[in-house]
PDB file of all heavy atoms in Angstrom:
ATOM      1  N   LEU A   1     -15.383  28.305 -19.944  1.00  0.00           N
ATOM      2  CA  LEU A   1     -15.520  29.690 -19.588  1.00  0.00           C
ATOM      3  C   LEU A   1     -14.156  30.383 -19.711  1.00  0.00           C
ATOM      4  O   LEU A   1     -14.066  31.442 -20.318  1.00  0.00           O
ATOM      5  CB  LEU A   1     -16.103  29.826 -18.193  1.00  0.00           C
ATOM      6  CG  LEU A   1     -16.194  31.249 -17.623  1.00  0.00           C
ATOM      7  CD1 LEU A   1     -17.159  32.066 -18.531  1.00  0.00           C
ATOM      8  CD2 LEU A   1     -16.733  31.267 -16.236  1.00  0.00           C
ATOM      9  N   LEU A   2     -13.145  29.760 -19.120  1.00  0.00           N
ATOM     10  CA  LEU A   2     -11.799  30.337 -19.211  1.00  0.00           C
ATOM     11  C   LEU A   2     -11.323  30.384 -20.688  1.00  0.00           C
ATOM     12  O   LEU A   2     -10.598  31.281 -21.045  1.00  0.00           O
ATOM     13  CB  LEU A   2     -10.830  29.572 -18.385  1.00  0.00           C
ATOM     14  CG  LEU A   2     -11.059  29.651 -16.866  1.00  0.00           C
ATOM     15  CD1 LEU A   2     -10.132  28.640 -16.147  1.00  0.00           C
ATOM     16  CD2 LEU A   2     -10.829  31.034 -16.388  1.00  0.00           C
ATOM     17  N   TYR A   3     -11.683  29.333 -21.460  1.00  0.00           N
ATOM     18  CA  TYR A   3     -11.298  29.330 -22.847  1.00  0.00           C
ATOM     19  C   TYR A   3     -11.860  30.596 -23.553  1.00  0.00           C
ATOM     20  O   TYR A   3     -11.168  31.221 -24.347  1.00  0.00           O
ATOM     21  CB  TYR A   3     -11.908  28.030 -23.534  1.00  0.00           C
ATOM     22  CG  TYR A   3     -11.588  27.887 -24.938  1.00  0.00           C
ATOM     23  CD1 TYR A   3     -10.528  27.077 -25.418  1.00  0.00           C
ATOM     24  CD2 TYR A   3     -12.321  28.497 -25.937  1.00  0.00           C
ATOM     25  CE1 TYR A   3     -10.266  26.907 -26.743  1.00  0.00           C
ATOM     26  CE2 TYR A   3     -12.098  28.310 -27.306  1.00  0.00           C
ATOM     27  CZ  TYR A   3     -11.014  27.508 -27.698  1.00  0.00           C
ATOM     28  OH  TYR A   3     -10.758  27.317 -29.032  1.00  0.00           O
ATOM     29  N   CYS A   4     -13.149  30.902 -23.342  1.00  0.00           N
ATOM     30  CA  CYS A   4     -13.697  32.024 -23.968  1.00  0.00           C
ATOM     31  C   CYS A   4     -12.980  33.408 -23.509  1.00  0.00           C
ATOM     32  O   CYS A   4     -12.725  34.212 -24.334  1.00  0.00           O
ATOM     33  CB  CYS A   4     -15.251  32.103 -23.639  1.00  0.00           C
ATOM     34  SG  CYS A   4     -16.248  30.840 -24.442  1.00  0.00           S
ATOM     35  N   VAL A   5     -12.717  33.411 -22.239  1.00  0.00           N
ATOM     36  CA  VAL A   5     -11.991  34.591 -21.726  1.00  0.00           C
ATOM     37  C   VAL A   5     -10.674  34.743 -22.353  1.00  0.00           C
ATOM     38  O   VAL A   5     -10.225  35.869 -22.720  1.00  0.00           O
ATOM     39  CB  VAL A   5     -11.883  34.500 -20.149  1.00  0.00           C
ATOM     40  CG1 VAL A   5     -10.951  35.586 -19.665  1.00  0.00           C
ATOM     41  CG2 VAL A   5     -13.256  34.579 -19.493  1.00  0.00           C
ATOM     42  N   SER A   6      -9.963  33.636 -22.602  1.00  0.00           N
ATOM     43  CA  SER A   6      -8.591  33.632 -23.132  1.00  0.00           C
ATOM     44  C   SER A   6      -8.576  34.160 -24.594  1.00  0.00           C
ATOM     45  O   SER A   6      -7.501  34.569 -25.072  1.00  0.00           O
ATOM     46  CB  SER A   6      -7.982  32.273 -23.064  1.00  0.00           C
ATOM     47  OG  SER A   6      -8.538  31.380 -24.039  1.00  0.00           O
ATOM     48  N   LEU A   7      -9.695  34.196 -25.254  1.00  0.00           N
ATOM     49  CA  LEU A   7      -9.688  34.724 -26.636  1.00  0.00           C
ATOM     50  C   LEU A   7      -9.492  36.226 -26.674  1.00  0.00           C
ATOM     51  O   LEU A   7      -9.145  36.744 -27.785  1.00  0.00           O
ATOM     52  CB  LEU A   7     -10.980  34.353 -27.383  1.00  0.00           C
ATOM     53  CG  LEU A   7     -11.243  32.839 -27.511  1.00  0.00           C
ATOM     54  CD1 LEU A   7     -12.679  32.629 -28.159  1.00  0.00           C
ATOM     55  CD2 LEU A   7     -10.235  32.220 -28.416  1.00  0.00           C
ATOM     56  N   TYR A   8      -9.807  36.860 -25.562  1.00  0.00           N
ATOM     57  CA  TYR A   8      -9.646  38.365 -25.499  1.00  0.00           C
ATOM     58  C   TYR A   8      -8.245  38.842 -25.208  1.00  0.00           C
ATOM     59  O   TYR A   8      -7.977  40.044 -25.194  1.00  0.00           O
ATOM     60  CB  TYR A   8     -10.672  38.919 -24.515  1.00  0.00           C
ATOM     61  CG  TYR A   8     -12.108  38.744 -24.915  1.00  0.00           C
ATOM     62  CD1 TYR A   8     -12.762  37.550 -24.641  1.00  0.00           C
ATOM     63  CD2 TYR A   8     -12.816  39.756 -25.504  1.00  0.00           C
ATOM     64  CE1 TYR A   8     -14.074  37.313 -24.999  1.00  0.00           C
ATOM     65  CE2 TYR A   8     -14.111  39.588 -25.904  1.00  0.00           C
ATOM     66  CZ  TYR A   8     -14.805  38.370 -25.624  1.00  0.00           C
ATOM     67  OH  TYR A   8     -16.106  38.164 -25.949  1.00  0.00           O
ATOM     68  N   MET A   9      -7.369  37.912 -24.786  1.00  0.00           N
ATOM     69  CA  MET A   9      -6.084  38.323 -24.260  1.00  0.00           C
ATOM     70  C   MET A   9      -4.970  38.530 -25.262  1.00  0.00           C
ATOM     71  O   MET A   9      -4.195  39.505 -25.130  1.00  0.00           O
ATOM     72  CB  MET A   9      -5.590  37.229 -23.244  1.00  0.00           C
ATOM     73  CG  MET A   9      -6.561  37.084 -22.065  1.00  0.00           C
ATOM     74  SD  MET A   9      -6.091  35.600 -21.040  1.00  0.00           S
ATOM     75  CE  MET A   9      -7.291  35.769 -19.713  1.00  0.00           C
ATOM     76  N   PRO A  10      -4.784  37.694 -26.264  1.00  0.00           N
ATOM     77  CA  PRO A  10      -3.596  37.815 -27.186  1.00  0.00           C
ATOM     78  C   PRO A  10      -3.699  38.994 -28.164  1.00  0.00           C
ATOM     79  O   PRO A  10      -4.803  39.497 -28.456  1.00  0.00           O
ATOM     80  CB  PRO A  10      -3.563  36.472 -27.942  1.00  0.00           C
ATOM     81  CG  PRO A  10      -4.556  35.604 -27.219  1.00  0.00           C
ATOM     82  CD  PRO A  10      -5.562  36.506 -26.609  1.00  0.00           C
ATOM     83  N   ASP A  11      -2.554  39.353 -28.709  1.00  0.00           N
ATOM     84  CA  ASP A  11      -2.518  40.286 -29.844  1.00  0.00           C
ATOM     85  C   ASP A  11      -3.123  39.619 -31.101  1.00  0.00           C
ATOM     86  O   ASP A  11      -3.771  40.261 -31.870  1.00  0.00           O
ATOM     87  CB  ASP A  11      -1.188  40.720 -30.133  1.00  0.00           C
ATOM     88  CG  ASP A  11      -0.544  41.506 -28.954  1.00  0.00           C
ATOM     89  OD1 ASP A  11      -0.935  42.565 -28.700  1.00  0.00           O
ATOM     90  OD2 ASP A  11       0.355  40.902 -28.346  1.00  0.00           O
ATOM     91  N   LEU A  12      -2.931  38.307 -31.163  1.00  0.00           N
ATOM     92  CA  LEU A  12      -3.467  37.509 -32.296  1.00  0.00           C
ATOM     93  C   LEU A  12      -3.809  36.149 -31.849  1.00  0.00           C
ATOM     94  O   LEU A  12      -2.985  35.520 -31.171  1.00  0.00           O
ATOM     95  CB  LEU A  12      -2.430  37.454 -33.421  1.00  0.00           C
ATOM     96  CG  LEU A  12      -2.886  36.818 -34.748  1.00  0.00           C
ATOM     97  CD1 LEU A  12      -3.916  37.644 -35.437  1.00  0.00           C
ATOM     98  CD2 LEU A  12      -1.764  36.572 -35.691  1.00  0.00           C
ATOM     99  N   VAL A  13      -4.955  35.703 -32.199  1.00  0.00           N
ATOM    100  CA  VAL A  13      -5.412  34.324 -31.952  1.00  0.00           C
ATOM    101  C   VAL A  13      -5.354  33.584 -33.284  1.00  0.00           C
ATOM    102  O   VAL A  13      -5.955  33.948 -34.257  1.00  0.00           O
ATOM    103  CB  VAL A  13      -6.875  34.218 -31.399  1.00  0.00           C
ATOM    104  CG1 VAL A  13      -7.296  32.774 -31.253  1.00  0.00           C
ATOM    105  CG2 VAL A  13      -6.940  34.981 -30.094  1.00  0.00           C
ATOM    106  N   ILE A  14      -4.611  32.473 -33.300  1.00  0.00           N
ATOM    107  CA  ILE A  14      -4.487  31.666 -34.543  1.00  0.00           C
ATOM    108  C   ILE A  14      -5.290  30.377 -34.327  1.00  0.00           C
ATOM    109  O   ILE A  14      -5.163  29.632 -33.455  1.00  0.00           O
ATOM    110  CB  ILE A  14      -2.962  31.309 -34.761  1.00  0.00           C
ATOM    111  CG1 ILE A  14      -2.150  32.511 -34.932  1.00  0.00           C
ATOM    112  CG2 ILE A  14      -2.857  30.405 -36.027  1.00  0.00           C
ATOM    113  CD1 ILE A  14      -0.644  32.288 -34.855  1.00  0.00           C
ATOM    114  N   SER A  15      -6.304  30.240 -35.279  1.00  0.00           N
ATOM    115  CA  SER A  15      -7.141  29.075 -35.306  1.00  0.00           C
ATOM    116  C   SER A  15      -6.584  28.026 -36.261  1.00  0.00           C
ATOM    117  O   SER A  15      -6.096  28.477 -37.313  1.00  0.00           O
ATOM    118  CB  SER A  15      -8.557  29.479 -35.700  1.00  0.00           C
ATOM    119  OG  SER A  15      -9.307  28.371 -35.943  1.00  0.00           O
ATOM    120  N   VAL A  16      -6.701  26.775 -36.005  1.00  0.00           N
ATOM    121  CA  VAL A  16      -6.192  25.753 -36.911  1.00  0.00           C
ATOM    122  C   VAL A  16      -7.221  25.409 -37.992  1.00  0.00           C
ATOM    123  O   VAL A  16      -6.903  24.620 -38.855  1.00  0.00           O
ATOM    124  CB  VAL A  16      -5.711  24.515 -36.161  1.00  0.00           C
ATOM    125  CG1 VAL A  16      -4.528  24.850 -35.308  1.00  0.00           C
ATOM    126  CG2 VAL A  16      -6.868  23.876 -35.341  1.00  0.00           C
ATOM    127  N   SER A  17      -8.393  25.971 -37.894  1.00  0.00           N
ATOM    128  CA  SER A  17      -9.382  25.717 -39.001  1.00  0.00           C
ATOM    129  C   SER A  17     -10.262  26.985 -39.158  1.00  0.00           C
ATOM    130  O   SER A  17     -10.472  27.757 -38.176  1.00  0.00           O
ATOM    131  CB  SER A  17     -10.305  24.533 -38.653  1.00  0.00           C
ATOM    132  OG  SER A  17     -11.169  24.817 -37.666  1.00  0.00           O
ATOM    133  N   ASP A  18     -10.787  27.192 -40.339  1.00  0.00           N
ATOM    134  CA  ASP A  18     -11.690  28.300 -40.561  1.00  0.00           C
ATOM    135  C   ASP A  18     -12.978  28.201 -39.856  1.00  0.00           C
ATOM    136  O   ASP A  18     -13.503  29.229 -39.390  1.00  0.00           O
ATOM    137  CB  ASP A  18     -11.975  28.414 -42.108  1.00  0.00           C
ATOM    138  CG  ASP A  18     -10.812  28.958 -42.897  1.00  0.00           C
ATOM    139  OD1 ASP A  18     -10.081  29.827 -42.428  1.00  0.00           O
ATOM    140  OD2 ASP A  18     -10.581  28.437 -44.042  1.00  0.00           O
ATOM    141  N   SER A  19     -13.490  26.981 -39.696  1.00  0.00           N
ATOM    142  CA  SER A  19     -14.773  26.871 -39.027  1.00  0.00           C
ATOM    143  C   SER A  19     -14.592  27.194 -37.500  1.00  0.00           C
ATOM    144  O   SER A  19     -15.490  27.783 -36.872  1.00  0.00           O
ATOM    145  CB  SER A  19     -15.267  25.429 -39.115  1.00  0.00           C
ATOM    146  OG  SER A  19     -14.259  24.467 -38.729  1.00  0.00           O
ATOM    147  N   MET A  20     -13.471  26.925 -36.930  1.00  0.00           N
ATOM    148  CA  MET A  20     -13.231  27.365 -35.559  1.00  0.00           C
ATOM    149  C   MET A  20     -13.149  28.873 -35.435  1.00  0.00           C
ATOM    150  O   MET A  20     -13.765  29.457 -34.557  1.00  0.00           O
ATOM    151  CB  MET A  20     -11.892  26.684 -35.024  1.00  0.00           C
ATOM    152  CG  MET A  20     -11.940  25.309 -34.510  1.00  0.00           C
ATOM    153  SD  MET A  20     -10.299  24.710 -34.034  1.00  0.00           S
ATOM    154  CE  MET A  20      -9.840  25.946 -32.839  1.00  0.00           C
ATOM    155  N   ARG A  21     -12.404  29.453 -36.383  1.00  0.00           N
ATOM    156  CA  ARG A  21     -12.288  30.951 -36.363  1.00  0.00           C
ATOM    157  C   ARG A  21     -13.641  31.597 -36.477  1.00  0.00           C
ATOM    158  O   ARG A  21     -13.918  32.537 -35.784  1.00  0.00           O
ATOM    159  CB  ARG A  21     -11.345  31.372 -37.465  1.00  0.00           C
ATOM    160  CG  ARG A  21     -11.173  32.882 -37.578  1.00  0.00           C
ATOM    161  CD  ARG A  21     -10.234  33.274 -38.731  1.00  0.00           C
ATOM    162  NE  ARG A  21     -10.697  32.693 -39.958  1.00  0.00           N
ATOM    163  CZ  ARG A  21     -11.633  33.203 -40.767  1.00  0.00           C
ATOM    164  NH1 ARG A  21     -12.327  34.265 -40.364  1.00  0.00           N
ATOM    165  NH2 ARG A  21     -11.934  32.636 -41.929  1.00  0.00           N
ATOM    166  N   GLN A  22     -14.479  31.073 -37.360  1.00  0.00           N
ATOM    167  CA  GLN A  22     -15.788  31.708 -37.586  1.00  0.00           C
ATOM    168  C   GLN A  22     -16.637  31.673 -36.301  1.00  0.00           C
ATOM    169  O   GLN A  22     -17.457  32.573 -36.027  1.00  0.00           O
ATOM    170  CB  GLN A  22     -16.513  31.018 -38.774  1.00  0.00           C
ATOM    171  CG  GLN A  22     -15.884  31.296 -40.081  1.00  0.00           C
ATOM    172  CD  GLN A  22     -16.235  30.358 -41.158  1.00  0.00           C
ATOM    173  OE1 GLN A  22     -17.150  29.477 -40.952  1.00  0.00           O
ATOM    174  NE2 GLN A  22     -15.665  30.435 -42.318  1.00  0.00           N
ATOM    175  N   ARG A  23     -16.486  30.593 -35.533  1.00  0.00           N
ATOM    176  CA  ARG A  23     -17.243  30.461 -34.290  1.00  0.00           C
ATOM    177  C   ARG A  23     -16.663  31.367 -33.211  1.00  0.00           C
ATOM    178  O   ARG A  23     -17.434  31.932 -32.422  1.00  0.00           O
ATOM    179  CB  ARG A  23     -17.289  29.019 -33.820  1.00  0.00           C
ATOM    180  CG  ARG A  23     -18.110  28.112 -34.616  1.00  0.00           C
ATOM    181  CD  ARG A  23     -18.130  26.715 -34.134  1.00  0.00           C
ATOM    182  NE  ARG A  23     -18.736  26.541 -32.799  1.00  0.00           N
ATOM    183  CZ  ARG A  23     -18.897  25.418 -32.211  1.00  0.00           C
ATOM    184  NH1 ARG A  23     -18.562  24.280 -32.823  1.00  0.00           N
ATOM    185  NH2 ARG A  23     -19.374  25.356 -30.972  1.00  0.00           N
ATOM    186  N   MET A  24     -15.342  31.558 -33.196  1.00  0.00           N
ATOM    187  CA  MET A  24     -14.784  32.416 -32.179  1.00  0.00           C
ATOM    188  C   MET A  24     -15.159  33.857 -32.368  1.00  0.00           C
ATOM    189  O   MET A  24     -15.430  34.557 -31.419  1.00  0.00           O
ATOM    190  CB  MET A  24     -13.228  32.265 -32.281  1.00  0.00           C
ATOM    191  CG  MET A  24     -12.702  30.971 -31.824  1.00  0.00           C
ATOM    192  SD  MET A  24     -10.879  30.858 -32.165  1.00  0.00           S
ATOM    193  CE  MET A  24     -10.537  29.209 -31.653  1.00  0.00           C
ATOM    194  N   VAL A  25     -15.164  34.358 -33.564  1.00  0.00           N
ATOM    195  CA  VAL A  25     -15.456  35.743 -33.804  1.00  0.00           C
ATOM    196  C   VAL A  25     -16.892  36.179 -33.516  1.00  0.00           C
ATOM    197  O   VAL A  25     -17.196  37.380 -33.474  1.00  0.00           O
ATOM    198  CB  VAL A  25     -15.030  36.132 -35.274  1.00  0.00           C
ATOM    199  CG1 VAL A  25     -13.615  35.957 -35.508  1.00  0.00           C
ATOM    200  CG2 VAL A  25     -15.894  35.450 -36.293  1.00  0.00           C
ATOM    201  N   ARG A  26     -17.748  35.153 -33.258  1.00  0.00           N
ATOM    202  CA  ARG A  26     -19.127  35.529 -32.933  1.00  0.00           C
ATOM    203  C   ARG A  26     -19.296  36.004 -31.440  1.00  0.00           C
ATOM    204  O   ARG A  26     -20.281  36.610 -31.157  1.00  0.00           O
ATOM    205  CB  ARG A  26     -20.027  34.291 -33.113  1.00  0.00           C
ATOM    206  CG  ARG A  26     -20.153  33.825 -34.554  1.00  0.00           C
ATOM    207  CD  ARG A  26     -20.916  32.515 -34.608  1.00  0.00           C
ATOM    208  NE  ARG A  26     -20.898  31.932 -35.937  1.00  0.00           N
ATOM    209  CZ  ARG A  26     -21.080  30.621 -36.196  1.00  0.00           C
ATOM    210  NH1 ARG A  26     -21.449  29.846 -35.208  1.00  0.00           N
ATOM    211  NH2 ARG A  26     -21.023  30.202 -37.433  1.00  0.00           N
ATOM    212  N   LEU A  27     -18.222  35.864 -30.662  1.00  0.00           N
ATOM    213  CA  LEU A  27     -18.325  36.352 -29.296  1.00  0.00           C
ATOM    214  C   LEU A  27     -18.244  37.829 -29.342  1.00  0.00           C
ATOM    215  O   LEU A  27     -17.623  38.469 -30.139  1.00  0.00           O
ATOM    216  CB  LEU A  27     -17.068  35.861 -28.486  1.00  0.00           C
ATOM    217  CG  LEU A  27     -17.090  34.323 -28.153  1.00  0.00           C
ATOM    218  CD1 LEU A  27     -15.784  33.910 -27.536  1.00  0.00           C
ATOM    219  CD2 LEU A  27     -18.312  34.025 -27.210  1.00  0.00           C
ATOM    220  N   PRO A  28     -19.039  38.482 -28.413  1.00  0.00           N
ATOM    221  CA  PRO A  28     -19.125  39.955 -28.361  1.00  0.00           C
ATOM    222  C   PRO A  28     -17.791  40.606 -28.200  1.00  0.00           C
ATOM    223  O   PRO A  28     -16.964  40.162 -27.331  1.00  0.00           O
ATOM    224  CB  PRO A  28     -20.070  40.255 -27.195  1.00  0.00           C
ATOM    225  CG  PRO A  28     -20.065  39.000 -26.385  1.00  0.00           C
ATOM    226  CD  PRO A  28     -19.782  37.871 -27.288  1.00  0.00           C
ATOM    227  N   GLY A  29     -17.518  41.708 -28.933  1.00  0.00           N
ATOM    228  CA  GLY A  29     -16.298  42.482 -28.765  1.00  0.00           C
ATOM    229  C   GLY A  29     -15.091  41.945 -29.452  1.00  0.00           C
ATOM    230  O   GLY A  29     -14.008  42.575 -29.331  1.00  0.00           O
ATOM    231  N   LEU A  30     -15.223  40.866 -30.219  1.00  0.00           N
ATOM    232  CA  LEU A  30     -14.137  40.292 -30.914  1.00  0.00           C
ATOM    233  C   LEU A  30     -14.232  40.577 -32.397  1.00  0.00           C
ATOM    234  O   LEU A  30     -15.330  40.400 -32.981  1.00  0.00           O
ATOM    235  CB  LEU A  30     -13.938  38.755 -30.724  1.00  0.00           C
ATOM    236  CG  LEU A  30     -13.594  38.295 -29.310  1.00  0.00           C
ATOM    237  CD1 LEU A  30     -13.586  36.757 -29.239  1.00  0.00           C
ATOM    238  CD2 LEU A  30     -12.297  38.897 -28.839  1.00  0.00           C
ATOM    239  N   SER A  31     -13.141  41.020 -33.033  1.00  0.00           N
ATOM    240  CA  SER A  31     -13.199  41.370 -34.440  1.00  0.00           C
ATOM    241  C   SER A  31     -12.381  40.422 -35.261  1.00  0.00           C
ATOM    242  O   SER A  31     -11.530  39.692 -34.770  1.00  0.00           O
ATOM    243  CB  SER A  31     -12.657  42.762 -34.634  1.00  0.00           C
ATOM    244  OG  SER A  31     -11.218  42.840 -34.251  1.00  0.00           O
ATOM    245  N   GLU A  32     -12.630  40.372 -36.617  1.00  0.00           N
ATOM    246  CA  GLU A  32     -11.891  39.501 -37.503  1.00  0.00           C
ATOM    247  C   GLU A  32     -10.397  39.843 -37.400  1.00  0.00           C
ATOM    248  O   GLU A  32      -9.575  38.888 -37.601  1.00  0.00           O
ATOM    249  CB  GLU A  32     -12.383  39.769 -38.908  1.00  0.00           C
ATOM    250  CG  GLU A  32     -13.779  39.181 -39.179  1.00  0.00           C
ATOM    251  CD  GLU A  32     -13.763  37.662 -39.488  1.00  0.00           C
ATOM    252  OE1 GLU A  32     -12.695  37.089 -39.540  1.00  0.00           O
ATOM    253  OE2 GLU A  32     -14.867  37.162 -39.666  1.00  0.00           O
ATOM    254  N   GLU A  33      -9.995  41.037 -37.156  1.00  0.00           N
ATOM    255  CA  GLU A  33      -8.615  41.417 -37.147  1.00  0.00           C
ATOM    256  C   GLU A  33      -7.834  40.711 -36.089  1.00  0.00           C
ATOM    257  O   GLU A  33      -6.572  40.562 -36.195  1.00  0.00           O
ATOM    258  CB  GLU A  33      -8.457  42.956 -37.023  1.00  0.00           C
ATOM    259  CG  GLU A  33      -8.924  43.746 -38.204  1.00  0.00           C
ATOM    260  CD  GLU A  33     -10.420  43.742 -38.336  1.00  0.00           C
ATOM    261  OE1 GLU A  33     -11.129  43.593 -37.317  1.00  0.00           O
ATOM    262  OE2 GLU A  33     -10.938  43.860 -39.483  1.00  0.00           O
ATOM    263  N   ARG A  34      -8.488  40.258 -35.042  1.00  0.00           N
ATOM    264  CA  ARG A  34      -7.796  39.581 -33.926  1.00  0.00           C
ATOM    265  C   ARG A  34      -7.422  38.098 -34.246  1.00  0.00           C
ATOM    266  O   ARG A  34      -6.643  37.491 -33.570  1.00  0.00           O
ATOM    267  CB  ARG A  34      -8.644  39.618 -32.703  1.00  0.00           C
ATOM    268  CG  ARG A  34      -7.954  39.095 -31.426  1.00  0.00           C
ATOM    269  CD  ARG A  34      -8.933  39.068 -30.292  1.00  0.00           C
ATOM    270  NE  ARG A  34      -9.126  40.447 -29.804  1.00  0.00           N
ATOM    271  CZ  ARG A  34      -8.465  41.012 -28.798  1.00  0.00           C
ATOM    272  NH1 ARG A  34      -7.413  40.321 -28.258  1.00  0.00           N
ATOM    273  NH2 ARG A  34      -8.650  42.218 -28.401  1.00  0.00           N
ATOM    274  N   PHE A  35      -8.005  37.635 -35.364  1.00  0.00           N
ATOM    275  CA  PHE A  35      -7.860  36.141 -35.654  1.00  0.00           C
ATOM    276  C   PHE A  35      -7.207  35.913 -37.047  1.00  0.00           C
ATOM    277  O   PHE A  35      -7.335  36.683 -37.929  1.00  0.00           O
ATOM    278  CB  PHE A  35      -9.330  35.516 -35.700  1.00  0.00           C
ATOM    279  CG  PHE A  35      -9.918  35.546 -34.346  1.00  0.00           C
ATOM    280  CD1 PHE A  35     -10.678  36.593 -33.948  1.00  0.00           C
ATOM    281  CD2 PHE A  35      -9.773  34.459 -33.483  1.00  0.00           C
ATOM    282  CE1 PHE A  35     -11.292  36.661 -32.681  1.00  0.00           C
ATOM    283  CE2 PHE A  35     -10.399  34.445 -32.267  1.00  0.00           C
ATOM    284  CZ  PHE A  35     -11.129  35.564 -31.819  1.00  0.00           C
ATOM    285  N   ALA A  36      -6.588  34.783 -37.113  1.00  0.00           N
ATOM    286  CA  ALA A  36      -6.048  34.291 -38.345  1.00  0.00           C
ATOM    287  C   ALA A  36      -6.163  32.736 -38.359  1.00  0.00           C
ATOM    288  O   ALA A  36      -6.243  32.172 -37.299  1.00  0.00           O
ATOM    289  CB  ALA A  36      -4.565  34.676 -38.514  1.00  0.00           C
ATOM    290  N   THR A  37      -6.174  32.149 -39.549  1.00  0.00           N
ATOM    291  CA  THR A  37      -6.214  30.694 -39.669  1.00  0.00           C
ATOM    292  C   THR A  37      -4.960  30.118 -40.235  1.00  0.00           C
ATOM    293  O   THR A  37      -4.446  30.675 -41.235  1.00  0.00           O
ATOM    294  CB  THR A  37      -7.388  30.255 -40.531  1.00  0.00           C
ATOM    295  OG1 THR A  37      -8.655  30.670 -39.978  1.00  0.00           O
ATOM    296  CG2 THR A  37      -7.377  28.754 -40.719  1.00  0.00           C
ATOM    297  N   VAL A  38      -4.381  29.210 -39.569  1.00  0.00           N
ATOM    298  CA  VAL A  38      -3.225  28.434 -40.078  1.00  0.00           C
ATOM    299  C   VAL A  38      -3.495  26.971 -39.988  1.00  0.00           C
ATOM    300  O   VAL A  38      -3.609  26.467 -38.889  1.00  0.00           O
ATOM    301  CB  VAL A  38      -1.953  28.779 -39.410  1.00  0.00           C
ATOM    302  CG1 VAL A  38      -0.735  27.936 -39.984  1.00  0.00           C
ATOM    303  CG2 VAL A  38      -1.554  30.267 -39.507  1.00  0.00           C
ATOM    304  N   HIS A  39      -3.824  26.309 -41.030  1.00  0.00           N
ATOM    305  CA  HIS A  39      -4.012  24.850 -41.042  1.00  0.00           C
ATOM    306  C   HIS A  39      -2.795  24.145 -40.621  1.00  0.00           C
ATOM    307  O   HIS A  39      -1.666  24.525 -41.036  1.00  0.00           O
ATOM    308  CB  HIS A  39      -4.468  24.361 -42.410  1.00  0.00           C
ATOM    309  CG  HIS A  39      -5.855  24.692 -42.767  1.00  0.00           C
ATOM    310  ND1 HIS A  39      -6.247  25.057 -44.041  1.00  0.00           N
ATOM    311  CD2 HIS A  39      -6.990  24.779 -42.005  1.00  0.00           C
ATOM    312  CE1 HIS A  39      -7.493  25.333 -44.024  1.00  0.00           C
ATOM    313  NE2 HIS A  39      -8.027  25.158 -42.828  1.00  0.00           N
ATOM    314  N   ASN A  40      -2.935  23.103 -39.825  1.00  0.00           N
ATOM    315  CA  ASN A  40      -1.799  22.280 -39.448  1.00  0.00           C
ATOM    316  C   ASN A  40      -1.198  21.584 -40.718  1.00  0.00           C
ATOM    317  O   ASN A  40      -1.929  21.355 -41.704  1.00  0.00           O
ATOM    318  CB  ASN A  40      -2.168  21.176 -38.481  1.00  0.00           C
ATOM    319  CG  ASN A  40      -2.598  21.695 -37.143  1.00  0.00           C
ATOM    320  OD1 ASN A  40      -2.141  22.766 -36.764  1.00  0.00           O
ATOM    321  ND2 ASN A  40      -3.357  20.905 -36.444  1.00  0.00           N
ATOM    322  N   GLY A  41       0.114  21.354 -40.736  1.00  0.00           N
ATOM    323  CA  GLY A  41       0.756  20.694 -41.813  1.00  0.00           C
ATOM    324  C   GLY A  41       1.659  19.623 -41.386  1.00  0.00           C
ATOM    325  O   GLY A  41       2.108  19.608 -40.206  1.00  0.00           O
ATOM    326  N   ILE A  42       2.014  18.681 -42.287  1.00  0.00           N
ATOM    327  CA  ILE A  42       2.861  17.529 -41.924  1.00  0.00           C
ATOM    328  C   ILE A  42       3.846  17.267 -43.035  1.00  0.00           C
ATOM    329  O   ILE A  42       3.662  17.772 -44.204  1.00  0.00           O
ATOM    330  CB  ILE A  42       2.012  16.270 -41.605  1.00  0.00           C
ATOM    331  CG1 ILE A  42       1.245  15.792 -42.905  1.00  0.00           C
ATOM    332  CG2 ILE A  42       1.141  16.438 -40.431  1.00  0.00           C
ATOM    333  CD1 ILE A  42       0.617  14.496 -42.747  1.00  0.00           C
ATOM    334  N   ASP A  43       4.812  16.526 -42.755  1.00  0.00           N
ATOM    335  CA  ASP A  43       5.774  16.019 -43.766  1.00  0.00           C
ATOM    336  C   ASP A  43       5.157  14.729 -44.315  1.00  0.00           C
ATOM    337  O   ASP A  43       5.276  13.660 -43.722  1.00  0.00           O
ATOM    338  CB  ASP A  43       7.143  15.718 -43.122  1.00  0.00           C
ATOM    339  CG  ASP A  43       8.138  15.081 -44.117  1.00  0.00           C
ATOM    340  OD1 ASP A  43       7.775  14.891 -45.285  1.00  0.00           O
ATOM    341  OD2 ASP A  43       9.245  14.774 -43.664  1.00  0.00           O
ATOM    342  N   ALA A  44       4.413  14.830 -45.354  1.00  0.00           N
ATOM    343  CA  ALA A  44       3.575  13.782 -45.875  1.00  0.00           C
ATOM    344  C   ALA A  44       4.392  12.497 -46.181  1.00  0.00           C
ATOM    345  O   ALA A  44       3.981  11.358 -45.935  1.00  0.00           O
ATOM    346  CB  ALA A  44       2.754  14.189 -47.083  1.00  0.00           C
ATOM    347  N   ASP A  45       5.529  12.711 -46.782  1.00  0.00           N
ATOM    348  CA  ASP A  45       6.364  11.506 -47.199  1.00  0.00           C
ATOM    349  C   ASP A  45       6.741  10.627 -45.999  1.00  0.00           C
ATOM    350  O   ASP A  45       6.922   9.420 -46.147  1.00  0.00           O
ATOM    351  CB  ASP A  45       7.578  11.959 -47.934  1.00  0.00           C
ATOM    352  CG  ASP A  45       7.276  12.520 -49.313  1.00  0.00           C
ATOM    353  OD1 ASP A  45       6.206  12.262 -49.840  1.00  0.00           O
ATOM    354  OD2 ASP A  45       8.103  13.336 -49.842  1.00  0.00           O
TER     355      ASP A  45
END
């Protein structure tokens, strides 16, 4: 419940996956503009 509430607080919510972002924006009152996706990255070598 607190997790859902916390989505309304920031200027920008960054999701680590597109599928997560798509589920978040379904909540009432949240727009695509509040969200961005940045996939995690690593030093592969």
